[in-house]
Amino acid sequence: MFLKLYTVWLGVFSVSFVFLPIYLVLNWRKRGTADGFSSVVLIIPMIIQSFWLRHGLMTNDWTNIIINSLNLSVLSCYVAAYAYYQPKRKYLIGQIIGAAVIIKCAFLYVDSHDSEHLNAAMGSVAAGAQILGLGGRLYEMRRAIKMGTTEYIPAVMQFAVTALMAQWFIFGVITGNKFIAIANIAGLITSAFTVMLYFRYPPLTWTVPIFNIPPQQSQKQE
């Protein structure tokens, strides 16, 4: 009973995150263009979720199937909106083709395994892709250290993603899915280091919620 309720909660909580980029779309509409924004933040999650979707299909995990199917559908709409508002579409087209090639090659690699190891191979690919997807966050951390401030690492989004990964980690543990557990523990470690940066390099103009870390400008005035 607990697992069923937890699965429903996790599904609702996870799906809610896919609607966050709608603020980007509204911004593009207001500006009349998506020029200057990167579509990579939309394409990379689609690759990762494609891997988790196939893993769910192979293991008959309906939680993964439903969540990732819905997420892929909504992300496709965001990509379409980006294409509509982006006057320079050649990079987007290249990224979509590249994503399709990566997904196809990954599936071919998985299919090269014998039936006994197919599920494990797909799980390893999905978990590995999610861990590699942390590269963007590592770049943000490196940039914050170089600039001496976490001004451009939104705390609310950071804490929300951390909460989501923590719940997926718990789900992986209680269901015995080591691939989900490993992928999300890597994300939690990255989040822990990011939170440490808020203390070492506070934002310039805003207070970090929860920890109530004042901005650097306020500290200088004192």
Foldseek 3Di string as FASTA:
>chain_A
DVLVVLLVVLLVLLLVVLCVCVVVLVVLVVVLANPPDDCCVLLLVLLLLVLQCVLCVLVVPVSSVVSSVSSNVSSVVVLVSNCVRHPDCPVVVVSVVVSVVVSVVLQVVLVVDDPVCSSVSSLQVSLVSLLVVCVVVVVLVVVCVVVLANQPPDQVVLVSVLVSLVSQLVSCVVVVPVSSNNSSVSVNVSSVVVVVSCVRRNHACDARPPVRRHHPVVVVVD
